[in-house]
Each structure stands twice: as structure tokens, then as C-alpha cells.
Amino acid sequence: MDAQDGSVDPDMTPLGIAAARITRLRNGQIYAAHCLLRYQKPIKADEAVDQVKAGKMVFVRRSDAHKVLDALGVA
């Protein structure tokens, strides 16, 4: 089986789930960094937008990171 049929998670690596950490810094700038999740699951993109606006740090799949940043108006 391959990632094309949806049976294998393409973001899963042997070390964890490929994700992005997105947060708002104290100066108001939105910051994103790639990371690997081992003990936690990423949240959905629409939930992440609301949480970042509220000042929380979120973890989303790397494939969703650009959707979240675009929704937040990050250039």
C-alpha cells in the first residue's frame, strides 16, 4: 500500500509525525517552525486558526501549515 490510497499517513516518519509549531510572539508576530511530534497529535487547521488568534501555541500537520498562516494573514 502507498500514500496515494490514504491507508498510509504521508506525514508519519519513523521518528514521529511531521508537523509545524505555530504561535504568536510577544511582539505580535506570528512564528512557525517545523518539528516532529512523538507524543501528541496535530490539530485541524480551522481549530488552529482560532487558537493562534487567542494567543495559544498549536501544532498542525506540515501540509496544513500554509493554510493556517494564510488564514492568519501572514505573508
N, C-alpha and C. Protein backbone atom coordinates (compact mmCIF):
# COMPACT_ATOMS: atom_id res chain seq x y z
N MET A 1 0.84 -1.19 0.00
CA MET A 1 0.00 0.00 0.00
C MET A 1 0.88 1.24 0.00
N ASP A 2 0.35 2.28 -0.57
CA ASP A 2 1.12 3.51 -0.60
C ASP A 2 0.26 4.68 -0.12
N ALA A 3 0.88 5.86 -0.08
CA ALA A 3 0.19 7.03 0.45
C ALA A 3 -0.93 7.51 -0.47
N GLN A 4 -0.96 7.08 -1.70
CA GLN A 4 -1.97 7.54 -2.64
C GLN A 4 -3.37 7.05 -2.28
N ASP A 5 -3.48 5.86 -1.71
CA ASP A 5 -4.81 5.32 -1.40
C ASP A 5 -5.32 5.72 -0.02
N GLY A 6 -4.55 6.50 0.71
CA GLY A 6 -4.99 7.00 2.00
C GLY A 6 -4.79 6.05 3.16
N SER A 7 -4.23 4.89 2.92
CA SER A 7 -4.06 3.92 4.00
C SER A 7 -2.80 4.18 4.82
N VAL A 8 -1.88 4.94 4.27
CA VAL A 8 -0.64 5.25 4.96
C VAL A 8 -0.58 6.76 5.16
N ASP A 9 -0.25 7.19 6.35
CA ASP A 9 -0.15 8.62 6.65
C ASP A 9 1.14 9.17 6.05
N PRO A 10 1.06 10.07 5.06
CA PRO A 10 2.27 10.59 4.43
C PRO A 10 3.12 11.47 5.35
N ASP A 11 2.52 12.01 6.42
CA ASP A 11 3.27 12.85 7.35
C ASP A 11 3.98 12.04 8.43
N MET A 12 3.73 10.74 8.50
CA MET A 12 4.34 9.91 9.53
C MET A 12 5.76 9.51 9.10
N THR A 13 6.70 9.72 10.00
CA THR A 13 8.07 9.30 9.78
C THR A 13 8.42 8.29 10.87
N PRO A 14 9.55 7.60 10.75
CA PRO A 14 9.93 6.67 11.82
C PRO A 14 10.14 7.36 13.17
N LEU A 15 10.41 8.66 13.14
CA LEU A 15 10.66 9.40 14.39
C LEU A 15 9.44 10.11 14.94
N GLY A 16 8.37 10.23 14.17
CA GLY A 16 7.18 10.93 14.64
C GLY A 16 6.39 11.48 13.47
N ILE A 17 5.45 12.36 13.78
CA ILE A 17 4.60 12.99 12.77
C ILE A 17 5.21 14.33 12.37
N ALA A 18 5.42 14.52 11.08
CA ALA A 18 5.95 15.79 10.58
C ALA A 18 4.90 16.87 10.81
N ALA A 19 5.27 17.91 11.55
CA ALA A 19 4.32 18.95 11.93
C ALA A 19 4.98 20.32 11.89
N ALA A 20 4.18 21.33 12.17
CA ALA A 20 4.67 22.70 12.30
C ALA A 20 4.10 23.28 13.59
N ARG A 21 4.95 23.98 14.32
CA ARG A 21 4.52 24.69 15.54
C ARG A 21 4.25 26.13 15.15
N ILE A 22 3.06 26.62 15.45
CA ILE A 22 2.68 27.99 15.10
C ILE A 22 2.24 28.70 16.37
N THR A 23 2.77 29.90 16.57
CA THR A 23 2.42 30.68 17.76
C THR A 23 2.55 32.16 17.46
N ARG A 24 1.97 32.98 18.31
CA ARG A 24 2.11 34.43 18.21
C ARG A 24 3.13 34.87 19.27
N LEU A 25 4.16 35.57 18.83
CA LEU A 25 5.19 36.04 19.75
C LEU A 25 4.70 37.25 20.54
N ARG A 26 5.43 37.65 21.54
CA ARG A 26 5.02 38.78 22.39
C ARG A 26 4.89 40.08 21.62
N ASN A 27 5.69 40.22 20.56
CA ASN A 27 5.62 41.45 19.77
C ASN A 27 4.49 41.41 18.74
N GLY A 28 3.68 40.32 18.73
CA GLY A 28 2.54 40.20 17.84
C GLY A 28 2.82 39.45 16.55
N GLN A 29 4.09 39.19 16.30
CA GLN A 29 4.47 38.47 15.07
C GLN A 29 4.09 37.00 15.19
N ILE A 30 3.59 36.42 14.11
CA ILE A 30 3.26 35.00 14.08
C ILE A 30 4.48 34.24 13.61
N TYR A 31 4.82 33.19 14.35
CA TYR A 31 6.03 32.42 14.11
C TYR A 31 5.67 30.97 13.85
N ALA A 32 6.32 30.35 12.85
CA ALA A 32 6.10 28.95 12.54
C ALA A 32 7.45 28.25 12.41
N ALA A 33 7.52 27.02 12.91
CA ALA A 33 8.75 26.22 12.82
C ALA A 33 8.38 24.76 12.62
N HIS A 34 9.16 24.09 11.79
CA HIS A 34 8.95 22.66 11.57
C HIS A 34 9.38 21.88 12.81
N CYS A 35 8.68 20.78 13.09
CA CYS A 35 9.02 19.93 14.23
C CYS A 35 8.49 18.52 13.98
N LEU A 36 8.83 17.61 14.85
CA LEU A 36 8.31 16.24 14.82
C LEU A 36 7.54 15.99 16.12
N LEU A 37 6.34 15.46 16.00
CA LEU A 37 5.52 15.13 17.16
C LEU A 37 5.66 13.65 17.46
N ARG A 38 5.99 13.34 18.69
CA ARG A 38 6.10 11.95 19.11
C ARG A 38 4.99 11.53 20.05
N TYR A 39 4.56 12.42 20.92
CA TYR A 39 3.60 12.06 21.97
C TYR A 39 2.27 12.79 21.86
N GLN A 40 2.05 13.44 20.75
CA GLN A 40 0.86 14.27 20.61
C GLN A 40 0.44 14.24 19.15
N LYS A 41 -0.82 14.56 18.88
CA LYS A 41 -1.32 14.60 17.52
C LYS A 41 -1.56 16.05 17.11
N PRO A 42 -1.35 16.36 15.84
CA PRO A 42 -1.64 17.72 15.38
C PRO A 42 -3.14 17.99 15.35
N ILE A 43 -3.51 19.26 15.48
CA ILE A 43 -4.93 19.62 15.44
C ILE A 43 -5.32 20.04 14.03
N LYS A 44 -6.60 20.18 13.79
CA LYS A 44 -7.11 20.57 12.48
C LYS A 44 -6.81 22.04 12.22
N ALA A 45 -6.67 22.38 10.94
CA ALA A 45 -6.28 23.73 10.54
C ALA A 45 -7.27 24.78 11.01
N ASP A 46 -8.57 24.53 10.91
CA ASP A 46 -9.55 25.54 11.31
C ASP A 46 -9.54 25.80 12.81
N GLU A 47 -9.29 24.77 13.60
CA GLU A 47 -9.17 24.95 15.05
C GLU A 47 -7.89 25.72 15.39
N ALA A 48 -6.84 25.47 14.63
CA ALA A 48 -5.56 26.11 14.89
C ALA A 48 -5.64 27.62 14.69
N VAL A 49 -6.38 28.06 13.68
CA VAL A 49 -6.50 29.50 13.41
C VAL A 49 -7.10 30.21 14.62
N ASP A 50 -8.18 29.66 15.16
CA ASP A 50 -8.83 30.28 16.32
C ASP A 50 -7.92 30.30 17.54
N GLN A 51 -7.17 29.22 17.74
CA GLN A 51 -6.31 29.14 18.91
C GLN A 51 -5.12 30.10 18.82
N VAL A 52 -4.54 30.24 17.63
CA VAL A 52 -3.42 31.18 17.47
C VAL A 52 -3.91 32.61 17.67
N LYS A 53 -5.10 32.91 17.17
CA LYS A 53 -5.67 34.25 17.38
C LYS A 53 -5.86 34.53 18.87
N ALA A 54 -6.11 33.48 19.65
CA ALA A 54 -6.30 33.63 21.09
C ALA A 54 -4.96 33.63 21.84
N GLY A 55 -3.85 33.54 21.12
CA GLY A 55 -2.54 33.60 21.76
C GLY A 55 -1.96 32.25 22.17
N LYS A 56 -2.55 31.16 21.70
CA LYS A 56 -2.07 29.82 22.06
C LYS A 56 -1.06 29.31 21.04
N MET A 57 -0.24 28.35 21.46
CA MET A 57 0.66 27.66 20.56
C MET A 57 -0.04 26.42 20.05
N VAL A 58 0.09 26.15 18.74
CA VAL A 58 -0.58 24.99 18.15
C VAL A 58 0.42 24.17 17.34
N PHE A 59 0.07 22.91 17.16
CA PHE A 59 0.82 22.01 16.30
C PHE A 59 -0.13 21.50 15.23
N VAL A 60 0.25 21.70 13.97
CA VAL A 60 -0.55 21.24 12.83
C VAL A 60 0.33 20.41 11.91
N ARG A 61 -0.30 19.63 11.05
CA ARG A 61 0.46 18.88 10.05
C ARG A 61 1.21 19.88 9.16
N ARG A 62 2.40 19.48 8.71
CA ARG A 62 3.16 20.39 7.84
C ARG A 62 2.38 20.77 6.60
N SER A 63 1.58 19.85 6.09
CA SER A 63 0.80 20.15 4.89
C SER A 63 -0.29 21.19 5.16
N ASP A 64 -0.69 21.37 6.42
CA ASP A 64 -1.71 22.36 6.79
C ASP A 64 -1.12 23.69 7.24
N ALA A 65 0.17 23.75 7.44
CA ALA A 65 0.80 24.96 7.99
C ALA A 65 0.54 26.18 7.12
N HIS A 66 0.66 26.05 5.80
CA HIS A 66 0.44 27.19 4.92
C HIS A 66 -1.01 27.63 4.92
N LYS A 67 -1.94 26.71 5.08
CA LYS A 67 -3.36 27.07 5.15
C LYS A 67 -3.62 27.92 6.39
N VAL A 68 -3.02 27.52 7.51
CA VAL A 68 -3.20 28.27 8.76
C VAL A 68 -2.56 29.66 8.65
N LEU A 69 -1.35 29.71 8.13
CA LEU A 69 -0.66 31.00 8.01
C LEU A 69 -1.40 31.92 7.04
N ASP A 70 -1.93 31.39 5.96
CA ASP A 70 -2.71 32.22 5.02
C ASP A 70 -3.97 32.74 5.69
N ALA A 71 -4.65 31.92 6.48
CA ALA A 71 -5.87 32.34 7.16
C ALA A 71 -5.57 33.42 8.20
N LEU A 72 -4.36 33.40 8.75
CA LEU A 72 -3.96 34.40 9.74
C LEU A 72 -3.41 35.68 9.09
N GLY A 73 -3.29 35.66 7.77
CA GLY A 73 -2.80 36.85 7.05
C GLY A 73 -1.31 37.03 7.07
N VAL A 74 -0.57 35.95 7.27
CA VAL A 74 0.89 36.02 7.27
C VAL A 74 1.37 35.96 5.83
N ALA A 75 2.21 36.92 5.46
CA ALA A 75 2.72 36.97 4.06
C ALA A 75 3.88 36.03 3.87
